[in-house]
Amino acid sequence: MRPNPYVYREYEYAPAITVCFKGCKRYRVTPVNDHGWYDGQCRFSGLAPSWGEFYEISGNTRDDMDPTPWITMAGSGTRHFHFYLRDEALEVKAQDWSMETKS
């Protein structure tokens, strides 16, 4: 993905960022947008750090509040990673994650 250098100055010279997930058990891309986020219509509105941030959810992950089916992978990770994009959210259950920048 392309970073926003206007918000995250440390990525000003990075044209791309790759986020990798180790031991991915399942993932899904849910239909949500920034308008829903700011109107309090998202599962984690008011609970998550902010729109566009990548974070890990612990405790009640509220999986049943979104009917989007999960895509199953071969991994066994159970940590829940979440990232709100512009018009959708990426959710991943995996062991760990890493990030690489391309210069």
C-alpha atoms as a PDB file:
ATOM      1  CA  MET A   1       0.000   0.000   0.000  1.00  0.00           C
ATOM      2  CA  ARG A   2       1.080   3.605  -0.355  1.00  0.00           C
ATOM      3  CA  PRO A   3       1.678   5.540   2.865  1.00  0.00           C
ATOM      4  CA  ASN A   4       0.258   9.011   3.491  1.00  0.00           C
ATOM      5  CA  PRO A   5       3.387  11.181   3.798  1.00  0.00           C
ATOM      6  CA  TYR A   6       1.303  14.212   4.796  1.00  0.00           C
ATOM      7  CA  VAL A   7       0.175  12.486   7.989  1.00  0.00           C
ATOM      8  CA  TYR A   8       3.174  10.172   8.522  1.00  0.00           C
ATOM      9  CA  ARG A   9       6.278  12.226   7.693  1.00  0.00           C
ATOM     10  CA  GLU A  10       8.604   9.293   8.415  1.00  0.00           C
ATOM     11  CA  TYR A  11       7.310   7.657   5.213  1.00  0.00           C
ATOM     12  CA  GLU A  12       7.843  10.679   2.979  1.00  0.00           C
ATOM     13  CA  TYR A  13      10.348   8.813   0.798  1.00  0.00           C
ATOM     14  CA  ALA A  14       8.735   5.373   0.963  1.00  0.00           C
ATOM     15  CA  PRO A  15       6.591   4.827  -2.146  1.00  0.00           C
ATOM     16  CA  ALA A  16       5.167   1.565  -0.755  1.00  0.00           C
ATOM     17  CA  ILE A  17       4.673  -0.334   2.485  1.00  0.00           C
ATOM     18  CA  THR A  18       4.167  -4.089   2.674  1.00  0.00           C
ATOM     19  CA  VAL A  19       2.511  -5.612   5.742  1.00  0.00           C
ATOM     20  CA  CYS A  20       3.087  -9.365   6.138  1.00  0.00           C
ATOM     21  CA  PHE A  21       1.251 -11.717   8.487  1.00  0.00           C
ATOM     22  CA  LYS A  22       2.884 -14.837   9.939  1.00  0.00           C
ATOM     23  CA  GLY A  23       0.740 -17.898  10.667  1.00  0.00           C
ATOM     24  CA  CYS A  24      -2.412 -16.405   9.155  1.00  0.00           C
ATOM     25  CA  LYS A  25      -5.437 -18.473  10.179  1.00  0.00           C
ATOM     26  CA  ARG A  26      -8.075 -16.363   8.454  1.00  0.00           C
ATOM     27  CA  TYR A  27      -8.811 -12.912   7.094  1.00  0.00           C
ATOM     28  CA  ARG A  28     -11.609 -10.823   5.660  1.00  0.00           C
ATOM     29  CA  VAL A  29     -12.183  -7.445   4.061  1.00  0.00           C
ATOM     30  CA  THR A  30     -15.316  -5.817   5.434  1.00  0.00           C
ATOM     31  CA  PRO A  31     -17.364  -3.084   3.750  1.00  0.00           C
ATOM     32  CA  VAL A  32     -17.017   0.019   5.911  1.00  0.00           C
ATOM     33  CA  ASN A  33     -16.122   3.590   5.108  1.00  0.00           C
ATOM     34  CA  ASP A  34     -14.855   6.681   6.857  1.00  0.00           C
ATOM     35  CA  HIS A  35     -18.349   8.223   6.984  1.00  0.00           C
ATOM     36  CA  GLY A  36     -19.626   5.242   8.980  1.00  0.00           C
ATOM     37  CA  TRP A  37     -16.602   5.444  11.269  1.00  0.00           C
ATOM     38  CA  TYR A  38     -17.161   9.098  12.116  1.00  0.00           C
ATOM     39  CA  ASP A  39     -20.923   8.572  12.478  1.00  0.00           C
ATOM     40  CA  GLY A  40     -20.302   5.829  15.073  1.00  0.00           C
ATOM     41  CA  GLN A  41     -21.600   3.027  12.845  1.00  0.00           C
ATOM     42  CA  CYS A  42     -18.481   0.819  12.943  1.00  0.00           C
ATOM     43  CA  ARG A  43     -17.826  -1.992  15.431  1.00  0.00           C
ATOM     44  CA  PHE A  44     -14.882  -0.172  16.930  1.00  0.00           C
ATOM     45  CA  SER A  45     -15.940   3.479  16.541  1.00  0.00           C
ATOM     46  CA  GLY A  46     -14.993   5.195  19.767  1.00  0.00           C
ATOM     47  CA  LEU A  47     -12.877   2.212  20.865  1.00  0.00           C
ATOM     48  CA  ALA A  48     -10.095   2.043  18.272  1.00  0.00           C
ATOM     49  CA  PRO A  49      -7.246   4.572  18.259  1.00  0.00           C
ATOM     50  CA  SER A  50      -8.272   6.385  15.070  1.00  0.00           C
ATOM     51  CA  TRP A  51      -9.337   5.986  11.475  1.00  0.00           C
ATOM     52  CA  GLY A  52      -6.575   4.647   9.212  1.00  0.00           C
ATOM     53  CA  GLU A  53      -4.455   3.203  12.027  1.00  0.00           C
ATOM     54  CA  PHE A  54      -3.298  -0.418  12.151  1.00  0.00           C
ATOM     55  CA  TYR A  55      -3.903  -2.034  15.526  1.00  0.00           C
ATOM     56  CA  GLU A  56      -4.429  -5.273  17.413  1.00  0.00           C
ATOM     57  CA  ILE A  57      -7.715  -6.102  19.116  1.00  0.00           C
ATOM     58  CA  SER A  58      -7.799  -8.067  22.356  1.00  0.00           C
ATOM     59  CA  GLY A  59     -10.709  -9.194  24.470  1.00  0.00           C
ATOM     60  CA  ASN A  60     -14.120  -9.167  22.765  1.00  0.00           C
ATOM     61  CA  THR A  61     -13.292  -8.854  19.061  1.00  0.00           C
ATOM     62  CA  ARG A  62     -16.990  -8.505  18.168  1.00  0.00           C
ATOM     63  CA  ASP A  63     -16.646 -10.912  15.216  1.00  0.00           C
ATOM     64  CA  ASP A  64     -20.373 -11.637  15.223  1.00  0.00           C
ATOM     65  CA  MET A  65     -21.229  -7.973  14.578  1.00  0.00           C
ATOM     66  CA  ASP A  66     -20.117  -8.231  10.944  1.00  0.00           C
ATOM     67  CA  PRO A  67     -21.614 -10.878   8.632  1.00  0.00           C
ATOM     68  CA  THR A  68     -18.704 -10.785   6.164  1.00  0.00           C
ATOM     69  CA  PRO A  69     -17.372 -14.352   5.814  1.00  0.00           C
ATOM     70  CA  TRP A  70     -13.777 -15.140   6.730  1.00  0.00           C
ATOM     71  CA  ILE A  71     -11.336 -16.626   4.219  1.00  0.00           C
ATOM     72  CA  THR A  72      -9.571 -19.555   5.876  1.00  0.00           C
ATOM     73  CA  MET A  73      -5.816 -20.066   5.611  1.00  0.00           C
ATOM     74  CA  ALA A  74      -3.476 -22.814   6.846  1.00  0.00           C
ATOM     75  CA  GLY A  75      -2.015 -20.928   9.833  1.00  0.00           C
ATOM     76  CA  SER A  76      -2.942 -21.225  13.487  1.00  0.00           C
ATOM     77  CA  GLY A  77      -2.601 -17.633  14.720  1.00  0.00           C
ATOM     78  CA  THR A  78      -5.283 -16.163  16.951  1.00  0.00           C
ATOM     79  CA  ARG A  79      -4.139 -12.562  17.399  1.00  0.00           C
ATOM     80  CA  HIS A  80      -6.659 -10.195  15.784  1.00  0.00           C
ATOM     81  CA  PHE A  81      -5.182  -7.414  13.646  1.00  0.00           C
ATOM     82  CA  HIS A  82      -7.394  -4.695  12.207  1.00  0.00           C
ATOM     83  CA  PHE A  83      -6.797  -1.886   9.725  1.00  0.00           C
ATOM     84  CA  TYR A  84      -9.390   0.614   8.512  1.00  0.00           C
ATOM     85  CA  LEU A  85      -8.746   1.571   4.913  1.00  0.00           C
ATOM     86  CA  ARG A  86     -10.648   4.242   2.985  1.00  0.00           C
ATOM     87  CA  ASP A  87     -13.765   2.263   2.084  1.00  0.00           C
ATOM     88  CA  GLU A  88     -13.184  -1.064   3.805  1.00  0.00           C
ATOM     89  CA  ALA A  89     -11.425  -2.707   6.725  1.00  0.00           C
ATOM     90  CA  LEU A  90      -8.902  -5.557   6.711  1.00  0.00           C
ATOM     91  CA  GLU A  91      -9.136  -8.041   9.571  1.00  0.00           C
ATOM     92  CA  VAL A  92      -6.542 -10.761  10.042  1.00  0.00           C
ATOM     93  CA  LYS A  93      -6.199 -13.547  12.620  1.00  0.00           C
ATOM     94  CA  ALA A  94      -2.495 -14.454  12.669  1.00  0.00           C
ATOM     95  CA  GLN A  95       0.473 -15.170  14.950  1.00  0.00           C
ATOM     96  CA  ASP A  96       2.358 -11.962  14.205  1.00  0.00           C
ATOM     97  CA  TRP A  97       2.975  -9.258  11.621  1.00  0.00           C
ATOM     98  CA  SER A  98       5.878  -7.349  10.117  1.00  0.00           C
ATOM     99  CA  MET A  99       6.243  -4.321   7.874  1.00  0.00           C
ATOM    100  CA  GLU A 100       8.677  -3.498   5.098  1.00  0.00           C
ATOM    101  CA  THR A 101       9.121  -0.188   3.325  1.00  0.00           C
ATOM    102  CA  LYS A 102      10.197   0.056  -0.288  1.00  0.00           C
ATOM    103  CA  SER A 103      12.486   2.973  -1.102  1.00  0.00           C
END
